[in-house]
Amino acid sequence: MSKSVEKQEWFQVAESFEASGLTQVEFARQRGVRLSTVQSWVYRRRRHLAAKAEPVRLLPVQVTAPVEPSTTLVEVVTEGGARLRFAVGVDVGYVARLVAALGR
């Protein structure tokens, strides 16, 4: 058996573990494999999936001193359907940058 086929099969075993709802000990016992083997392939699969995931985008925020609560809110709905509510008087430039970032 080639290494790539073996790797694919172990990734499928790791995927089965993730979907099983069992602990690693229970899963290894049911499958008749060593616990360390299950742990190793689950770790490798998770690391492989994390490497393929989109990087997290962090947005800058500005922390200011608290202001008197406003009962009047302005609501912005993005093209993607996200609803953002802001107190009247919030910096419009900040809102525009935030909406633009969410639209990417």
N, C-alpha and C. Protein backbone atom coordinates (compact mmCIF):
# COMPACT_ATOMS: atom_id res chain seq x y z
N MET A 1 0.85 -1.18 0.00
CA MET A 1 0.00 0.00 0.00
C MET A 1 0.89 1.24 0.00
N SER A 2 0.56 2.20 -0.84
CA SER A 2 1.38 3.41 -0.90
C SER A 2 1.12 4.30 0.30
N LYS A 3 2.09 5.15 0.61
CA LYS A 3 1.95 6.03 1.78
C LYS A 3 0.78 6.99 1.64
N SER A 4 0.52 7.50 0.39
CA SER A 4 -0.58 8.45 0.22
C SER A 4 -1.93 7.78 0.44
N VAL A 5 -2.04 6.51 0.03
CA VAL A 5 -3.30 5.78 0.26
C VAL A 5 -3.47 5.52 1.75
N GLU A 6 -2.37 5.12 2.40
CA GLU A 6 -2.42 4.86 3.83
C GLU A 6 -2.80 6.13 4.58
N LYS A 7 -2.21 7.26 4.20
CA LYS A 7 -2.53 8.53 4.84
C LYS A 7 -4.00 8.86 4.66
N GLN A 8 -4.51 8.67 3.45
CA GLN A 8 -5.92 8.95 3.17
C GLN A 8 -6.83 8.09 4.05
N GLU A 9 -6.48 6.82 4.18
CA GLU A 9 -7.29 5.91 5.01
C GLU A 9 -7.26 6.34 6.48
N TRP A 10 -6.09 6.75 6.99
CA TRP A 10 -6.01 7.18 8.38
C TRP A 10 -6.74 8.50 8.60
N PHE A 11 -6.72 9.39 7.58
CA PHE A 11 -7.49 10.62 7.69
C PHE A 11 -8.98 10.28 7.79
N GLN A 12 -9.43 9.27 7.06
CA GLN A 12 -10.83 8.85 7.13
C GLN A 12 -11.15 8.26 8.50
N VAL A 13 -10.22 7.53 9.07
CA VAL A 13 -10.40 7.01 10.44
C VAL A 13 -10.51 8.18 11.42
N ALA A 14 -9.64 9.16 11.27
CA ALA A 14 -9.68 10.34 12.15
C ALA A 14 -10.99 11.09 11.97
N GLU A 15 -11.46 11.19 10.73
CA GLU A 15 -12.75 11.84 10.47
C GLU A 15 -13.89 11.06 11.12
N SER A 16 -13.81 9.74 11.06
CA SER A 16 -14.83 8.91 11.72
C SER A 16 -14.83 9.13 13.22
N PHE A 17 -13.64 9.27 13.79
CA PHE A 17 -13.57 9.57 15.22
C PHE A 17 -14.27 10.88 15.53
N GLU A 18 -13.96 11.94 14.74
CA GLU A 18 -14.55 13.27 14.98
C GLU A 18 -16.08 13.20 14.95
N ALA A 19 -16.63 12.37 14.08
CA ALA A 19 -18.09 12.28 13.94
C ALA A 19 -18.71 11.32 14.95
N SER A 20 -17.90 10.51 15.61
CA SER A 20 -18.43 9.44 16.46
C SER A 20 -19.03 9.91 17.77
N GLY A 21 -18.51 11.00 18.33
CA GLY A 21 -18.98 11.44 19.64
C GLY A 21 -18.35 10.65 20.77
N LEU A 22 -17.44 9.74 20.46
CA LEU A 22 -16.76 8.93 21.46
C LEU A 22 -15.50 9.63 21.93
N THR A 23 -15.00 9.19 23.08
CA THR A 23 -13.68 9.65 23.49
C THR A 23 -12.65 8.91 22.64
N GLN A 24 -11.43 9.42 22.63
CA GLN A 24 -10.39 8.74 21.86
C GLN A 24 -10.13 7.34 22.40
N VAL A 25 -10.21 7.17 23.70
CA VAL A 25 -10.00 5.86 24.31
C VAL A 25 -11.08 4.88 23.85
N GLU A 26 -12.34 5.31 23.91
CA GLU A 26 -13.44 4.44 23.48
C GLU A 26 -13.33 4.09 22.01
N PHE A 27 -13.01 5.09 21.19
CA PHE A 27 -12.90 4.88 19.75
C PHE A 27 -11.78 3.89 19.43
N ALA A 28 -10.62 4.07 20.05
CA ALA A 28 -9.48 3.18 19.82
C ALA A 28 -9.82 1.75 20.23
N ARG A 29 -10.48 1.62 21.36
CA ARG A 29 -10.87 0.29 21.85
C ARG A 29 -11.83 -0.38 20.86
N GLN A 30 -12.84 0.37 20.38
CA GLN A 30 -13.81 -0.19 19.43
C GLN A 30 -13.14 -0.62 18.13
N ARG A 31 -12.18 0.17 17.65
CA ARG A 31 -11.51 -0.11 16.38
C ARG A 31 -10.37 -1.12 16.53
N GLY A 32 -9.96 -1.36 17.75
CA GLY A 32 -8.86 -2.30 17.96
C GLY A 32 -7.51 -1.74 17.53
N VAL A 33 -7.34 -0.43 17.70
CA VAL A 33 -6.06 0.20 17.36
C VAL A 33 -5.50 0.88 18.61
N ARG A 34 -4.21 1.15 18.57
CA ARG A 34 -3.58 1.80 19.71
C ARG A 34 -4.09 3.22 19.86
N LEU A 35 -4.26 3.65 21.10
CA LEU A 35 -4.72 5.00 21.40
C LEU A 35 -3.78 6.03 20.80
N SER A 36 -2.48 5.81 20.92
CA SER A 36 -1.51 6.77 20.40
C SER A 36 -1.62 6.93 18.88
N THR A 37 -2.02 5.87 18.19
CA THR A 37 -2.20 5.96 16.73
C THR A 37 -3.39 6.83 16.41
N VAL A 38 -4.49 6.65 17.12
CA VAL A 38 -5.68 7.48 16.92
C VAL A 38 -5.35 8.93 17.23
N GLN A 39 -4.70 9.16 18.35
CA GLN A 39 -4.34 10.53 18.74
C GLN A 39 -3.45 11.19 17.69
N SER A 40 -2.48 10.46 17.18
CA SER A 40 -1.55 11.00 16.20
C SER A 40 -2.27 11.40 14.91
N TRP A 41 -3.16 10.54 14.42
CA TRP A 41 -3.84 10.84 13.15
C TRP A 41 -4.91 11.91 13.31
N VAL A 42 -5.55 11.96 14.46
CA VAL A 42 -6.52 13.04 14.71
C VAL A 42 -5.78 14.37 14.73
N TYR A 43 -4.63 14.41 15.39
CA TYR A 43 -3.81 15.63 15.44
C TYR A 43 -3.37 16.03 14.04
N ARG A 44 -2.87 15.08 13.25
CA ARG A 44 -2.41 15.38 11.89
C ARG A 44 -3.54 15.91 11.02
N ARG A 45 -4.72 15.28 11.14
CA ARG A 45 -5.86 15.73 10.33
C ARG A 45 -6.28 17.15 10.72
N ARG A 46 -6.35 17.41 12.01
CA ARG A 46 -6.73 18.75 12.46
C ARG A 46 -5.71 19.80 12.00
N ARG A 47 -4.43 19.48 12.09
CA ARG A 47 -3.39 20.38 11.65
C ARG A 47 -3.48 20.63 10.14
N HIS A 48 -3.78 19.57 9.38
CA HIS A 48 -3.94 19.68 7.93
C HIS A 48 -5.12 20.59 7.59
N LEU A 49 -6.24 20.41 8.28
CA LEU A 49 -7.43 21.23 8.02
C LEU A 49 -7.18 22.69 8.42
N ALA A 50 -6.47 22.90 9.52
CA ALA A 50 -6.19 24.27 9.96
C ALA A 50 -5.30 24.99 8.96
N ALA A 51 -4.39 24.26 8.34
CA ALA A 51 -3.48 24.88 7.37
C ALA A 51 -4.24 25.31 6.11
N LYS A 52 -5.35 24.62 5.81
CA LYS A 52 -6.12 24.94 4.62
C LYS A 52 -7.18 26.01 4.88
N ALA A 53 -7.45 26.30 6.15
CA ALA A 53 -8.51 27.26 6.50
C ALA A 53 -8.09 28.68 6.16
N GLU A 54 -9.08 29.51 5.92
CA GLU A 54 -8.80 30.93 5.66
C GLU A 54 -8.25 31.57 6.93
N PRO A 55 -7.29 32.45 6.77
CA PRO A 55 -6.76 33.11 7.97
C PRO A 55 -7.82 34.01 8.60
N VAL A 56 -7.72 34.18 9.88
CA VAL A 56 -8.65 35.04 10.61
C VAL A 56 -8.34 36.49 10.29
N ARG A 57 -9.38 37.24 9.96
CA ARG A 57 -9.21 38.67 9.71
C ARG A 57 -9.56 39.43 10.97
N LEU A 58 -8.62 40.21 11.46
CA LEU A 58 -8.88 41.04 12.63
C LEU A 58 -9.16 42.46 12.16
N LEU A 59 -10.13 43.08 12.76
CA LEU A 59 -10.49 44.44 12.41
C LEU A 59 -10.06 45.37 13.54
N PRO A 60 -9.56 46.53 13.19
CA PRO A 60 -9.17 47.46 14.25
C PRO A 60 -10.42 48.03 14.93
N VAL A 61 -10.32 48.19 16.21
CA VAL A 61 -11.41 48.81 16.97
C VAL A 61 -10.82 49.96 17.78
N GLN A 62 -11.68 50.87 18.09
CA GLN A 62 -11.24 52.03 18.87
C GLN A 62 -12.06 52.05 20.15
N VAL A 63 -11.37 52.01 21.26
CA VAL A 63 -12.03 52.03 22.56
C VAL A 63 -12.05 53.47 23.04
N THR A 64 -13.23 53.93 23.41
CA THR A 64 -13.37 55.30 23.89
C THR A 64 -14.03 55.28 25.26
N ALA A 65 -14.01 56.40 25.88
CA ALA A 65 -14.67 56.51 27.19
C ALA A 65 -16.17 56.34 27.01
N PRO A 66 -16.83 55.77 27.99
CA PRO A 66 -18.27 55.58 27.88
C PRO A 66 -18.99 56.92 27.78
N VAL A 67 -20.04 56.93 27.00
CA VAL A 67 -20.87 58.13 26.86
C VAL A 67 -22.25 57.81 27.41
N GLU A 68 -23.00 58.84 27.62
CA GLU A 68 -24.37 58.63 28.09
C GLU A 68 -25.11 57.74 27.09
N PRO A 69 -25.80 56.73 27.57
CA PRO A 69 -26.50 55.85 26.65
C PRO A 69 -27.54 56.62 25.83
N SER A 70 -27.56 56.29 24.55
CA SER A 70 -28.51 56.93 23.66
C SER A 70 -29.66 55.97 23.42
N THR A 71 -30.85 56.48 23.44
CA THR A 71 -32.01 55.62 23.15
C THR A 71 -32.27 55.58 21.65
N THR A 72 -31.61 56.44 20.89
CA THR A 72 -31.78 56.47 19.45
C THR A 72 -30.63 55.72 18.79
N LEU A 73 -30.97 54.74 17.97
CA LEU A 73 -29.97 53.94 17.29
C LEU A 73 -30.10 54.10 15.78
N VAL A 74 -29.00 53.97 15.11
CA VAL A 74 -28.97 53.93 13.65
C VAL A 74 -28.61 52.51 13.28
N GLU A 75 -29.38 51.92 12.37
CA GLU A 75 -29.11 50.55 11.96
C GLU A 75 -28.59 50.54 10.53
N VAL A 76 -27.51 49.78 10.32
CA VAL A 76 -26.93 49.61 8.99
C VAL A 76 -27.05 48.13 8.65
N VAL A 77 -27.57 47.85 7.44
CA VAL A 77 -27.68 46.47 6.98
C VAL A 77 -26.74 46.32 5.79
N THR A 78 -25.80 45.40 5.89
CA THR A 78 -24.83 45.19 4.81
C THR A 78 -25.47 44.37 3.70
N GLU A 79 -24.80 44.33 2.54
CA GLU A 79 -25.31 43.53 1.43
C GLU A 79 -25.41 42.06 1.81
N GLY A 80 -24.54 41.62 2.67
CA GLY A 80 -24.55 40.23 3.12
C GLY A 80 -25.62 39.94 4.16
N GLY A 81 -26.34 40.96 4.61
CA GLY A 81 -27.42 40.76 5.56
C GLY A 81 -27.06 41.01 7.01
N ALA A 82 -25.82 41.38 7.28
CA ALA A 82 -25.43 41.66 8.67
C ALA A 82 -26.07 42.97 9.12
N ARG A 83 -26.61 42.97 10.32
CA ARG A 83 -27.25 44.17 10.88
C ARG A 83 -26.34 44.73 11.97
N LEU A 84 -26.01 46.01 11.83
CA LEU A 84 -25.16 46.68 12.81
C LEU A 84 -25.94 47.85 13.36
N ARG A 85 -25.95 47.98 14.68
CA ARG A 85 -26.66 49.10 15.32
C ARG A 85 -25.64 49.97 16.04
N PHE A 86 -25.79 51.27 15.83
CA PHE A 86 -24.89 52.23 16.43
C PHE A 86 -25.70 53.34 17.08
N ALA A 87 -25.15 53.88 18.13
CA ALA A 87 -25.78 55.04 18.77
C ALA A 87 -25.60 56.25 17.86
N VAL A 88 -26.58 57.11 17.90
CA VAL A 88 -26.48 58.36 17.13
C VAL A 88 -25.25 59.11 17.61
N GLY A 89 -24.47 59.62 16.66
CA GLY A 89 -23.28 60.37 17.00
C GLY A 89 -22.00 59.57 16.88
N VAL A 90 -22.10 58.28 16.55
CA VAL A 90 -20.89 57.48 16.38
C VAL A 90 -20.14 58.00 15.15
N ASP A 91 -18.84 57.81 15.13
CA ASP A 91 -18.00 58.27 14.03
C ASP A 91 -18.41 57.58 12.73
N VAL A 92 -18.87 58.35 11.77
CA VAL A 92 -19.36 57.81 10.50
C VAL A 92 -18.23 57.14 9.73
N GLY A 93 -17.04 57.68 9.81
CA GLY A 93 -15.89 57.07 9.13
C GLY A 93 -15.61 55.67 9.64
N TYR A 94 -15.73 55.50 10.96
CA TYR A 94 -15.53 54.18 11.57
C TYR A 94 -16.58 53.20 11.05
N VAL A 95 -17.82 53.65 11.01
CA VAL A 95 -18.91 52.78 10.52
C VAL A 95 -18.65 52.40 9.07
N ALA A 96 -18.25 53.36 8.24
CA ALA A 96 -17.98 53.08 6.83
C ALA A 96 -16.84 52.07 6.67
N ARG A 97 -15.77 52.22 7.45
CA ARG A 97 -14.66 51.28 7.36
C ARG A 97 -15.06 49.89 7.81
N LEU A 98 -15.87 49.82 8.84
CA LEU A 98 -16.35 48.54 9.35
C LEU A 98 -17.24 47.84 8.34
N VAL A 99 -18.17 48.57 7.75
CA VAL A 99 -19.06 47.99 6.73
C VAL A 99 -18.26 47.54 5.52
N ALA A 100 -17.28 48.33 5.10
CA ALA A 100 -16.44 47.95 3.96
C ALA A 100 -15.67 46.68 4.25
N ALA A 101 -15.13 46.57 5.47
CA ALA A 101 -14.37 45.37 5.84
C ALA A 101 -15.26 44.15 5.88
N LEU A 102 -16.48 44.29 6.35
CA LEU A 102 -17.40 43.16 6.41
C LEU A 102 -17.85 42.74 5.01
N GLY A 103 -17.81 43.67 4.07
CA GLY A 103 -18.23 43.37 2.70
C GLY A 103 -17.19 42.62 1.90
N ARG A 104 -15.96 42.54 2.41
CA ARG A 104 -14.90 41.83 1.67
C ARG A 104 -15.06 40.35 1.74
